[in-house]
Amino acid sequence: MNQFLQAGAASLMGGESIQFIIMMVLIFGVMYFFMIRPQQKRQKELNKFRDSLANGMKVITAGGIYGTIKEVKEAYVLIEIDNSVNIRIDKSMIMKDNTDLASQAK
């Protein structure tokens, strides 16, 4: 009788561990599709936007500075923020296209 109890307990433990593994896989799947994948998509779009920067584009920096691109180099962008006031900013700090925001406000 004791052998049957031990065998039954062992089979229950095996079933619980399979359920636990399935639950962990499901949780990871949900996290991937609701958190990781959208972030990767946004990052790809931002990199594509930064690669397409051109003279005359109105942009916003990560620090909230609005300006117009005057020169684009490999590592940095020269932005005019006022008449004859230019600043050099790293490309990775350009966050948004200002013309896109103006069209959304209408």
PDB file of N, CA and C in Angstrom:
ATOM      1  N   MET A   1       0.826  -1.196   0.000  1.00  0.00           N
ATOM      2  CA  MET A   1       0.000   0.000   0.000  1.00  0.00           C
ATOM      3  C   MET A   1       0.867   1.255   0.000  1.00  0.00           C
ATOM      4  N   ASN A   2       1.933   1.200   0.752  1.00  0.00           N
ATOM      5  CA  ASN A   2       2.828   2.337   0.856  1.00  0.00           C
ATOM      6  C   ASN A   2       3.486   2.620  -0.500  1.00  0.00           C
ATOM      7  N   GLN A   3       3.768   1.577  -1.283  1.00  0.00           N
ATOM      8  CA  GLN A   3       4.372   1.744  -2.595  1.00  0.00           C
ATOM      9  C   GLN A   3       3.423   2.474  -3.539  1.00  0.00           C
ATOM     10  N   PHE A   4       2.132   2.188  -3.422  1.00  0.00           N
ATOM     11  CA  PHE A   4       1.139   2.861  -4.266  1.00  0.00           C
ATOM     12  C   PHE A   4       1.051   4.347  -3.926  1.00  0.00           C
ATOM     13  N   LEU A   5       1.139   4.677  -2.647  1.00  0.00           N
ATOM     14  CA  LEU A   5       1.102   6.081  -2.230  1.00  0.00           C
ATOM     15  C   LEU A   5       2.318   6.833  -2.745  1.00  0.00           C
ATOM     16  N   GLN A   6       3.465   6.181  -2.669  1.00  0.00           N
ATOM     17  CA  GLN A   6       4.678   6.817  -3.160  1.00  0.00           C
ATOM     18  C   GLN A   6       4.611   7.015  -4.673  1.00  0.00           C
ATOM     19  N   ALA A   7       4.104   6.042  -5.382  1.00  0.00           N
ATOM     20  CA  ALA A   7       3.976   6.167  -6.836  1.00  0.00           C
ATOM     21  C   ALA A   7       2.973   7.248  -7.191  1.00  0.00           C
ATOM     22  N   GLY A   8       1.876   7.330  -6.458  1.00  0.00           N
ATOM     23  CA  GLY A   8       0.866   8.373  -6.708  1.00  0.00           C
ATOM     24  C   GLY A   8       1.416   9.758  -6.406  1.00  0.00           C
ATOM     25  N   ALA A   9       2.179   9.882  -5.334  1.00  0.00           N
ATOM     26  CA  ALA A   9       2.773  11.168  -4.977  1.00  0.00           C
ATOM     27  C   ALA A   9       3.799  11.594  -6.024  1.00  0.00           C
ATOM     28  N   ALA A  10       4.562  10.647  -6.523  1.00  0.00           N
ATOM     29  CA  ALA A  10       5.567  10.973  -7.539  1.00  0.00           C
ATOM     30  C   ALA A  10       4.901  11.438  -8.822  1.00  0.00           C
ATOM     31  N   SER A  11       3.800  10.798  -9.198  1.00  0.00           N
ATOM     32  CA  SER A  11       3.109  11.218 -10.412  1.00  0.00           C
ATOM     33  C   SER A  11       2.476  12.590 -10.234  1.00  0.00           C
ATOM     34  N   LEU A  12       2.003  12.903  -9.038  1.00  0.00           N
ATOM     35  CA  LEU A  12       1.452  14.244  -8.779  1.00  0.00           C
ATOM     36  C   LEU A  12       2.540  15.307  -8.879  1.00  0.00           C
ATOM     37  N   MET A  13       3.705  15.016  -8.334  1.00  0.00           N
ATOM     38  CA  MET A  13       4.805  15.977  -8.397  1.00  0.00           C
ATOM     39  C   MET A  13       5.232  16.209  -9.840  1.00  0.00           C
ATOM     40  N   GLY A  14       5.253  15.168 -10.645  1.00  0.00           N
ATOM     41  CA  GLY A  14       5.591  15.312 -12.056  1.00  0.00           C
ATOM     42  C   GLY A  14       4.561  16.166 -12.768  1.00  0.00           C
ATOM     43  N   GLY A  15       3.294  15.994 -12.481  1.00  0.00           N
ATOM     44  CA  GLY A  15       2.230  16.781 -13.096  1.00  0.00           C
ATOM     45  C   GLY A  15       2.293  18.237 -12.699  1.00  0.00           C
ATOM     46  N   GLU A  16       2.615  18.487 -11.435  1.00  0.00           N
ATOM     47  CA  GLU A  16       2.713  19.867 -10.963  1.00  0.00           C
ATOM     48  C   GLU A  16       3.900  20.583 -11.604  1.00  0.00           C
ATOM     49  N   SER A  17       5.001  19.872 -11.784  1.00  0.00           N
ATOM     50  CA  SER A  17       6.165  20.521 -12.393  1.00  0.00           C
ATOM     51  C   SER A  17       5.899  20.825 -13.867  1.00  0.00           C
ATOM     52  N   ILE A  18       5.163  19.957 -14.552  1.00  0.00           N
ATOM     53  CA  ILE A  18       4.815  20.229 -15.949  1.00  0.00           C
ATOM     54  C   ILE A  18       3.890  21.439 -16.028  1.00  0.00           C
ATOM     55  N   GLN A  19       2.932  21.511 -15.119  1.00  0.00           N
ATOM     56  CA  GLN A  19       2.032  22.673 -15.093  1.00  0.00           C
ATOM     57  C   GLN A  19       2.817  23.951 -14.814  1.00  0.00           C
ATOM     58  N   PHE A  20       3.774  23.877 -13.915  1.00  0.00           N
ATOM     59  CA  PHE A  20       4.594  25.047 -13.591  1.00  0.00           C
ATOM     60  C   PHE A  20       5.400  25.500 -14.809  1.00  0.00           C
ATOM     61  N   ILE A  21       5.975  24.550 -15.521  1.00  0.00           N
ATOM     62  CA  ILE A  21       6.764  24.879 -16.708  1.00  0.00           C
ATOM     63  C   ILE A  21       5.876  25.496 -17.781  1.00  0.00           C
ATOM     64  N   ILE A  22       4.700  24.919 -17.981  1.00  0.00           N
ATOM     65  CA  ILE A  22       3.761  25.472 -18.968  1.00  0.00           C
ATOM     66  C   ILE A  22       3.351  26.892 -18.583  1.00  0.00           C
ATOM     67  N   MET A  23       3.091  27.116 -17.306  1.00  0.00           N
ATOM     68  CA  MET A  23       2.698  28.450 -16.828  1.00  0.00           C
ATOM     69  C   MET A  23       3.828  29.461 -17.037  1.00  0.00           C
ATOM     70  N   MET A  24       5.061  29.062 -16.774  1.00  0.00           N
ATOM     71  CA  MET A  24       6.199  29.966 -16.965  1.00  0.00           C
ATOM     72  C   MET A  24       6.390  30.303 -18.444  1.00  0.00           C
ATOM     73  N   VAL A  25       6.221  29.317 -19.322  1.00  0.00           N
ATOM     74  CA  VAL A  25       6.331  29.559 -20.760  1.00  0.00           C
ATOM     75  C   VAL A  25       5.241  30.526 -21.214  1.00  0.00           C
ATOM     76  N   LEU A  26       4.032  30.340 -20.715  1.00  0.00           N
ATOM     77  CA  LEU A  26       2.936  31.246 -21.072  1.00  0.00           C
ATOM     78  C   LEU A  26       3.199  32.669 -20.580  1.00  0.00           C
ATOM     79  N   ILE A  27       3.701  32.800 -19.371  1.00  0.00           N
ATOM     80  CA  ILE A  27       4.005  34.133 -18.832  1.00  0.00           C
ATOM     81  C   ILE A  27       5.088  34.807 -19.669  1.00  0.00           C
ATOM     82  N   PHE A  28       6.127  34.070 -20.024  1.00  0.00           N
ATOM     83  CA  PHE A  28       7.185  34.636 -20.860  1.00  0.00           C
ATOM     84  C   PHE A  28       6.637  35.026 -22.228  1.00  0.00           C
ATOM     85  N   GLY A  29       5.762  34.196 -22.795  1.00  0.00           N
ATOM     86  CA  GLY A  29       5.153  34.516 -24.092  1.00  0.00           C
ATOM     87  C   GLY A  29       4.344  35.793 -24.039  1.00  0.00           C
ATOM     88  N   VAL A  30       3.567  35.972 -22.993  1.00  0.00           N
ATOM     89  CA  VAL A  30       2.771  37.193 -22.841  1.00  0.00           C
ATOM     90  C   VAL A  30       3.687  38.398 -22.678  1.00  0.00           C
ATOM     91  N   MET A  31       4.719  38.255 -21.859  1.00  0.00           N
ATOM     92  CA  MET A  31       5.657  39.369 -21.677  1.00  0.00           C
ATOM     93  C   MET A  31       6.339  39.728 -22.994  1.00  0.00           C
ATOM     94  N   TYR A  32       6.699  38.730 -23.791  1.00  0.00           N
ATOM     95  CA  TYR A  32       7.363  38.992 -25.058  1.00  0.00           C
ATOM     96  C   TYR A  32       6.451  39.769 -25.993  1.00  0.00           C
ATOM     97  N   PHE A  33       5.200  39.322 -26.142  1.00  0.00           N
ATOM     98  CA  PHE A  33       4.310  39.950 -27.110  1.00  0.00           C
ATOM     99  C   PHE A  33       3.755  41.290 -26.648  1.00  0.00           C
ATOM    100  N   PHE A  34       3.707  41.540 -25.347  1.00  0.00           N
ATOM    101  CA  PHE A  34       3.163  42.813 -24.876  1.00  0.00           C
ATOM    102  C   PHE A  34       4.212  43.813 -24.426  1.00  0.00           C
ATOM    103  N   MET A  35       5.447  43.374 -24.201  1.00  0.00           N
ATOM    104  CA  MET A  35       6.460  44.308 -23.715  1.00  0.00           C
ATOM    105  C   MET A  35       7.694  44.355 -24.607  1.00  0.00           C
ATOM    106  N   ILE A  36       8.299  43.232 -24.868  1.00  0.00           N
ATOM    107  CA  ILE A  36       9.585  43.202 -25.571  1.00  0.00           C
ATOM    108  C   ILE A  36       9.419  43.506 -27.053  1.00  0.00           C
ATOM    109  N   ARG A  37       8.489  42.843 -27.701  1.00  0.00           N
ATOM    110  CA  ARG A  37       8.308  43.011 -29.152  1.00  0.00           C
ATOM    111  C   ARG A  37       7.917  44.440 -29.533  1.00  0.00           C
ATOM    112  N   PRO A  38       6.952  45.085 -28.845  1.00  0.00           N
ATOM    113  CA  PRO A  38       6.638  46.481 -29.204  1.00  0.00           C
ATOM    114  C   PRO A  38       7.824  47.426 -29.006  1.00  0.00           C
ATOM    115  N   GLN A  39       8.626  47.199 -27.962  1.00  0.00           N
ATOM    116  CA  GLN A  39       9.794  48.048 -27.738  1.00  0.00           C
ATOM    117  C   GLN A  39      10.813  47.887 -28.858  1.00  0.00           C
ATOM    118  N   GLN A  40      11.015  46.658 -29.312  1.00  0.00           N
ATOM    119  CA  GLN A  40      11.941  46.428 -30.424  1.00  0.00           C
ATOM    120  C   GLN A  40      11.430  47.105 -31.689  1.00  0.00           C
ATOM    121  N   LYS A  41      10.128  47.075 -31.904  1.00  0.00           N
ATOM    122  CA  LYS A  41       9.541  47.711 -33.087  1.00  0.00           C
ATOM    123  C   LYS A  41       9.741  49.224 -33.039  1.00  0.00           C
ATOM    124  N   ARG A  42       9.504  49.840 -31.866  1.00  0.00           N
ATOM    125  CA  ARG A  42       9.716  51.288 -31.721  1.00  0.00           C
ATOM    126  C   ARG A  42      11.177  51.648 -31.944  1.00  0.00           C
ATOM    127  N   GLN A  43      12.088  50.817 -31.441  1.00  0.00           N
ATOM    128  CA  GLN A  43      13.515  51.093 -31.600  1.00  0.00           C
ATOM    129  C   GLN A  43      13.925  51.009 -33.069  1.00  0.00           C
ATOM    130  N   LYS A  44      13.403  50.051 -33.817  1.00  0.00           N
ATOM    131  CA  LYS A  44      13.701  49.943 -35.242  1.00  0.00           C
ATOM    132  C   LYS A  44      13.187  51.165 -35.995  1.00  0.00           C
ATOM    133  N   GLU A  45      11.970  51.627 -35.663  1.00  0.00           N
ATOM    134  CA  GLU A  45      11.409  52.811 -36.311  1.00  0.00           C
ATOM    135  C   GLU A  45      12.244  54.045 -36.004  1.00  0.00           C
ATOM    136  N   LEU A  46      12.708  54.184 -34.760  1.00  0.00           N
ATOM    137  CA  LEU A  46      13.530  55.325 -34.374  1.00  0.00           C
ATOM    138  C   LEU A  46      14.872  55.295 -35.102  1.00  0.00           C
ATOM    139  N   ASN A  47      15.482  54.127 -35.217  1.00  0.00           N
ATOM    140  CA  ASN A  47      16.750  54.012 -35.959  1.00  0.00           C
ATOM    141  C   ASN A  47      16.550  54.341 -37.433  1.00  0.00           C
ATOM    142  N   LYS A  48      15.448  53.897 -38.013  1.00  0.00           N
ATOM    143  CA  LYS A  48      15.142  54.204 -39.410  1.00  0.00           C
ATOM    144  C   LYS A  48      14.959  55.713 -39.592  1.00  0.00           C
ATOM    145  N   PHE A  49      14.265  56.360 -38.638  1.00  0.00           N
ATOM    146  CA  PHE A  49      14.075  57.810 -38.684  1.00  0.00           C
ATOM    147  C   PHE A  49      15.415  58.534 -38.601  1.00  0.00           C
ATOM    148  N   ARG A  50      16.292  58.104 -37.693  1.00  0.00           N
ATOM    149  CA  ARG A  50      17.593  58.763 -37.538  1.00  0.00           C
ATOM    150  C   ARG A  50      18.457  58.588 -38.779  1.00  0.00           C
ATOM    151  N   ASP A  51      18.334  57.463 -39.450  1.00  0.00           N
ATOM    152  CA  ASP A  51      19.099  57.253 -40.682  1.00  0.00           C
ATOM    153  C   ASP A  51      18.583  58.107 -41.831  1.00  0.00           C
ATOM    154  N   SER A  52      17.321  58.533 -41.752  1.00  0.00           N
ATOM    155  CA  SER A  52      16.725  59.323 -42.832  1.00  0.00           C
ATOM    156  C   SER A  52      16.784  60.827 -42.571  1.00  0.00           C
ATOM    157  N   LEU A  53      17.527  61.278 -41.573  1.00  0.00           N
ATOM    158  CA  LEU A  53      17.627  62.707 -41.276  1.00  0.00           C
ATOM    159  C   LEU A  53      18.235  63.447 -42.464  1.00  0.00           C
ATOM    160  N   ALA A  54      17.665  64.626 -42.763  1.00  0.00           N
ATOM    161  CA  ALA A  54      18.142  65.415 -43.897  1.00  0.00           C
ATOM    162  C   ALA A  54      18.086  66.895 -43.546  1.00  0.00           C
ATOM    163  N   ASN A  55      18.830  67.692 -44.306  1.00  0.00           N
ATOM    164  CA  ASN A  55      18.833  69.146 -44.090  1.00  0.00           C
ATOM    165  C   ASN A  55      17.422  69.702 -44.246  1.00  0.00           C
ATOM    166  N   GLY A  56      17.078  70.647 -43.367  1.00  0.00           N
ATOM    167  CA  GLY A  56      15.786  71.310 -43.440  1.00  0.00           C
ATOM    168  C   GLY A  56      14.688  70.653 -42.619  1.00  0.00           C
ATOM    169  N   MET A  57      14.929  69.464 -42.094  1.00  0.00           N
ATOM    170  CA  MET A  57      13.909  68.797 -41.271  1.00  0.00           C
ATOM    171  C   MET A  57      13.806  69.491 -39.923  1.00  0.00           C
ATOM    172  N   LYS A  58      12.575  69.626 -39.442  1.00  0.00           N
ATOM    173  CA  LYS A  58      12.348  70.168 -38.106  1.00  0.00           C
ATOM    174  C   LYS A  58      12.265  69.002 -37.137  1.00  0.00           C
ATOM    175  N   VAL A  59      13.088  69.048 -36.082  1.00  0.00           N
ATOM    176  CA  VAL A  59      13.193  67.928 -35.154  1.00  0.00           C
ATOM    177  C   VAL A  59      13.126  68.408 -33.711  1.00  0.00           C
ATOM    178  N   ILE A  60      12.950  67.432 -32.816  1.00  0.00           N
ATOM    179  CA  ILE A  60      12.982  67.677 -31.377  1.00  0.00           C
ATOM    180  C   ILE A  60      14.035  66.743 -30.791  1.00  0.00           C
ATOM    181  N   THR A  61      14.881  67.275 -29.922  1.00  0.00           N
ATOM    182  CA  THR A  61      15.923  66.461 -29.300  1.00  0.00           C
ATOM    183  C   THR A  61      15.383  65.800 -28.037  1.00  0.00           C
ATOM    184  N   ALA A  62      16.184  64.897 -27.474  1.00  0.00           N
ATOM    185  CA  ALA A  62      15.812  64.222 -26.231  1.00  0.00           C
ATOM    186  C   ALA A  62      15.684  65.226 -25.081  1.00  0.00           C
ATOM    187  N   GLY A  63      16.398  66.345 -25.169  1.00  0.00           N
ATOM    188  CA  GLY A  63      16.329  67.377 -24.133  1.00  0.00           C
ATOM    189  C   GLY A  63      15.183  68.349 -24.327  1.00  0.00           C
ATOM    190  N   GLY A  64      14.404  68.172 -25.406  1.00  0.00           N
ATOM    191  CA  GLY A  64      13.251  69.032 -25.645  1.00  0.00           C
ATOM    192  C   GLY A  64      13.561  70.263 -26.467  1.00  0.00           C
ATOM    193  N   ILE A  65      14.694  70.295 -27.152  1.00  0.00           N
ATOM    194  CA  ILE A  65      15.075  71.449 -27.965  1.00  0.00           C
ATOM    195  C   ILE A  65      14.498  71.281 -29.369  1.00  0.00           C
ATOM    196  N   TYR A  66      13.760  72.290 -29.819  1.00  0.00           N
ATOM    197  CA  TYR A  66      13.189  72.302 -31.163  1.00  0.00           C
ATOM    198  C   TYR A  66      14.174  72.999 -32.093  1.00  0.00           C
ATOM    199  N   GLY A  67      14.355  72.454 -33.273  1.00  0.00           N
ATOM    200  CA  GLY A  67      15.269  73.088 -34.208  1.00  0.00           C
ATOM    201  C   GLY A  67      15.122  72.536 -35.608  1.00  0.00           C
ATOM    202  N   THR A  68      15.911  73.128 -36.504  1.00  0.00           N
ATOM    203  CA  THR A  68      15.930  72.722 -37.907  1.00  0.00           C
ATOM    204  C   THR A  68      17.324  72.206 -38.241  1.00  0.00           C
ATOM    205  N   ILE A  69      17.383  71.062 -38.875  1.00  0.00           N
ATOM    206  CA  ILE A  69      18.672  70.460 -39.215  1.00  0.00           C
ATOM    207  C   ILE A  69      19.345  71.273 -40.310  1.00  0.00           C
ATOM    208  N   LYS A  70      20.614  71.622 -40.066  1.00  0.00           N
ATOM    209  CA  LYS A  70      21.414  72.363 -41.047  1.00  0.00           C
ATOM    210  C   LYS A  70      22.473  71.483 -41.695  1.00  0.00           C
ATOM    211  N   GLU A  71      22.951  70.487 -40.958  1.00  0.00           N
ATOM    212  CA  GLU A  71      24.007  69.627 -41.484  1.00  0.00           C
ATOM    213  C   GLU A  71      23.916  68.260 -40.807  1.00  0.00           C
ATOM    214  N   VAL A  72      24.064  67.210 -41.595  1.00  0.00           N
ATOM    215  CA  VAL A  72      24.016  65.843 -41.063  1.00  0.00           C
ATOM    216  C   VAL A  72      25.362  65.174 -41.333  1.00  0.00           C
ATOM    217  N   LYS A  73      25.986  64.682 -40.278  1.00  0.00           N
ATOM    218  CA  LYS A  73      27.239  63.924 -40.387  1.00  0.00           C
ATOM    219  C   LYS A  73      26.985  62.514 -39.882  1.00  0.00           C
ATOM    220  N   GLU A  74      28.024  61.703 -39.909  1.00  0.00           N
ATOM    221  CA  GLU A  74      27.879  60.294 -39.496  1.00  0.00           C
ATOM    222  C   GLU A  74      27.473  60.174 -38.026  1.00  0.00           C
ATOM    223  N   ALA A  75      28.109  60.933 -37.147  1.00  0.00           N
ATOM    224  CA  ALA A  75      27.882  60.779 -35.710  1.00  0.00           C
ATOM    225  C   ALA A  75      27.051  61.900 -35.091  1.00  0.00           C
ATOM    226  N   TYR A  76      26.961  63.038 -35.746  1.00  0.00           N
ATOM    227  CA  TYR A  76      26.258  64.167 -35.142  1.00  0.00           C
ATOM    228  C   TYR A  76      25.434  64.922 -36.176  1.00  0.00           C
ATOM    229  N   VAL A  77      24.594  65.835 -35.641  1.00  0.00           N
ATOM    230  CA  VAL A  77      23.736  66.675 -36.476  1.00  0.00           C
ATOM    231  C   VAL A  77      23.904  68.115 -36.000  1.00  0.00           C
ATOM    232  N   LEU A  78      24.021  69.043 -36.930  1.00  0.00           N
ATOM    233  CA  LEU A  78      24.079  70.462 -36.609  1.00  0.00           C
ATOM    234  C   LEU A  78      22.670  71.015 -36.729  1.00  0.00           C
ATOM    235  N   ILE A  79      22.159  71.584 -35.636  1.00  0.00           N
ATOM    236  CA  ILE A  79      20.776  72.062 -35.601  1.00  0.00           C
ATOM    237  C   ILE A  79      20.757  73.565 -35.344  1.00  0.00           C
ATOM    238  N   GLU A  80      19.948  74.267 -36.121  1.00  0.00           N
ATOM    239  CA  GLU A  80      19.743  75.699 -35.884  1.00  0.00           C
ATOM    240  C   GLU A  80      18.520  75.826 -34.987  1.00  0.00           C
ATOM    241  N   ILE A  81      18.719  76.426 -33.789  1.00  0.00           N
ATOM    242  CA  ILE A  81      17.616  76.567 -32.851  1.00  0.00           C
ATOM    243  C   ILE A  81      17.040  77.979 -32.843  1.00  0.00           C
ATOM    244  N   ASP A  82      17.776  78.932 -33.402  1.00  0.00           N
ATOM    245  CA  ASP A  82      17.307  80.310 -33.550  1.00  0.00           C
ATOM    246  C   ASP A  82      18.146  80.929 -34.669  1.00  0.00           C
ATOM    247  N   ASN A  83      17.858  82.154 -35.026  1.00  0.00           N
ATOM    248  CA  ASN A  83      18.632  82.803 -36.083  1.00  0.00           C
ATOM    249  C   ASN A  83      20.106  82.826 -35.726  1.00  0.00           C
ATOM    250  N   SER A  84      20.926  82.177 -36.528  1.00  0.00           N
ATOM    251  CA  SER A  84      22.378  82.104 -36.370  1.00  0.00           C
ATOM    252  C   SER A  84      22.820  81.457 -35.062  1.00  0.00           C
ATOM    253  N   VAL A  85      21.977  80.658 -34.441  1.00  0.00           N
ATOM    254  CA  VAL A  85      22.349  79.915 -33.236  1.00  0.00           C
ATOM    255  C   VAL A  85      22.293  78.427 -33.579  1.00  0.00           C
ATOM    256  N   ASN A  86      23.479  77.826 -33.727  1.00  0.00           N
ATOM    257  CA  ASN A  86      23.566  76.424 -34.105  1.00  0.00           C
ATOM    258  C   ASN A  86      24.171  75.613 -32.970  1.00  0.00           C
ATOM    259  N   ILE A  87      23.672  74.400 -32.801  1.00  0.00           N
ATOM    260  CA  ILE A  87      24.242  73.487 -31.814  1.00  0.00           C
ATOM    261  C   ILE A  87      24.509  72.144 -32.496  1.00  0.00           C
ATOM    262  N   ARG A  88      25.525  71.471 -31.993  1.00  0.00           N
ATOM    263  CA  ARG A  88      25.885  70.154 -32.511  1.00  0.00           C
ATOM    264  C   ARG A  88      25.353  69.111 -31.523  1.00  0.00           C
ATOM    265  N   ILE A  89      24.583  68.167 -32.042  1.00  0.00           N
ATOM    266  CA  ILE A  89      23.946  67.158 -31.195  1.00  0.00           C
ATOM    267  C   ILE A  89      24.236  65.781 -31.761  1.00  0.00           C
ATOM    268  N   ASP A  90      24.476  64.833 -30.879  1.00  0.00           N
ATOM    269  CA  ASP A  90      24.673  63.449 -31.287  1.00  0.00           C
ATOM    270  C   ASP A  90      23.399  62.921 -31.936  1.00  0.00           C
ATOM    271  N   LYS A  91      23.542  62.134 -32.991  1.00  0.00           N
ATOM    272  CA  LYS A  91      22.376  61.615 -33.723  1.00  0.00           C
ATOM    273  C   LYS A  91      21.428  60.820 -32.827  1.00  0.00           C
ATOM    274  N   SER A  92      21.987  60.145 -31.845  1.00  0.00           N
ATOM    275  CA  SER A  92      21.150  59.315 -30.982  1.00  0.00           C
ATOM    276  C   SER A  92      20.227  60.133 -30.082  1.00  0.00           C
ATOM    277  N   MET A  93      20.426  61.443 -30.022  1.00  0.00           N
ATOM    278  CA  MET A  93      19.588  62.293 -29.180  1.00  0.00           C
ATOM    279  C   MET A  93      18.442  62.951 -29.953  1.00  0.00           C
ATOM    280  N   ILE A  94      18.355  62.719 -31.245  1.00  0.00           N
ATOM    281  CA  ILE A  94      17.221  63.211 -32.032  1.00  0.00           C
ATOM    282  C   ILE A  94      16.076  62.232 -31.822  1.00  0.00           C
ATOM    283  N   MET A  95      14.930  62.732 -31.348  1.00  0.00           N
ATOM    284  CA  MET A  95      13.850  61.831 -30.971  1.00  0.00           C
ATOM    285  C   MET A  95      12.635  61.877 -31.901  1.00  0.00           C
ATOM    286  N   LYS A  96      12.261  63.059 -32.363  1.00  0.00           N
ATOM    287  CA  LYS A  96      11.012  63.170 -33.119  1.00  0.00           C
ATOM    288  C   LYS A  96      11.145  64.144 -34.275  1.00  0.00           C
ATOM    289  N   ASP A  97      10.252  63.956 -35.221  1.00  0.00           N
ATOM    290  CA  ASP A  97      10.112  64.878 -36.342  1.00  0.00           C
ATOM    291  C   ASP A  97       9.041  65.894 -35.954  1.00  0.00           C
ATOM    292  N   ASN A  98       9.401  67.163 -35.891  1.00  0.00           N
ATOM    293  CA  ASN A  98       8.483  68.218 -35.465  1.00  0.00           C
ATOM    294  C   ASN A  98       7.340  68.416 -36.448  1.00  0.00           C
ATOM    295  N   THR A  99       7.562  68.207 -37.732  1.00  0.00           N
ATOM    296  CA  THR A  99       6.491  68.389 -38.714  1.00  0.00           C
ATOM    297  C   THR A  99       5.406  67.358 -38.528  1.00  0.00           C
ATOM    298  N   ASP A 100       5.757  66.172 -38.070  1.00  0.00           N
ATOM    299  CA  ASP A 100       4.777  65.122 -37.779  1.00  0.00           C
ATOM    300  C   ASP A 100       3.872  65.540 -36.622  1.00  0.00           C
ATOM    301  N   LEU A 101       4.442  66.183 -35.602  1.00  0.00           N
ATOM    302  CA  LEU A 101       3.657  66.637 -34.458  1.00  0.00           C
ATOM    303  C   LEU A 101       2.696  67.761 -34.848  1.00  0.00           C
ATOM    304  N   ALA A 102       3.106  68.636 -35.755  1.00  0.00           N
ATOM    305  CA  ALA A 102       2.261  69.738 -36.183  1.00  0.00           C
ATOM    306  C   ALA A 102       1.034  69.214 -36.941  1.00  0.00           C
ATOM    307  N   SER A 103       1.213  68.168 -37.712  1.00  0.00           N
ATOM    308  CA  SER A 103       0.070  67.620 -38.456  1.00  0.00           C
ATOM    309  C   SER A 103      -0.900  66.891 -37.535  1.00  0.00           C
ATOM    310  N   GLN A 104      -0.421  66.355 -36.415  1.00  0.00           N
ATOM    311  CA  GLN A 104      -1.295  65.677 -35.459  1.00  0.00           C
ATOM    312  C   GLN A 104      -2.115  66.662 -34.654  1.00  0.00           C
ATOM    313  N   ALA A 105      -1.632  67.889 -34.451  1.00  0.00           N
ATOM    314  CA  ALA A 105      -2.314  68.883 -33.634  1.00  0.00           C
ATOM    315  C   ALA A 105      -3.555  69.432 -34.329  1.00  0.00           C
ATOM    316  N   LYS A 106      -3.624  69.344 -35.645  1.00  0.00           N
ATOM    317  CA  LYS A 106      -4.746  69.916 -36.388  1.00  0.00           C
ATOM    318  C   LYS A 106      -5.975  69.082 -36.288  1.00  0.00           C
TER     319      LYS A 106
END
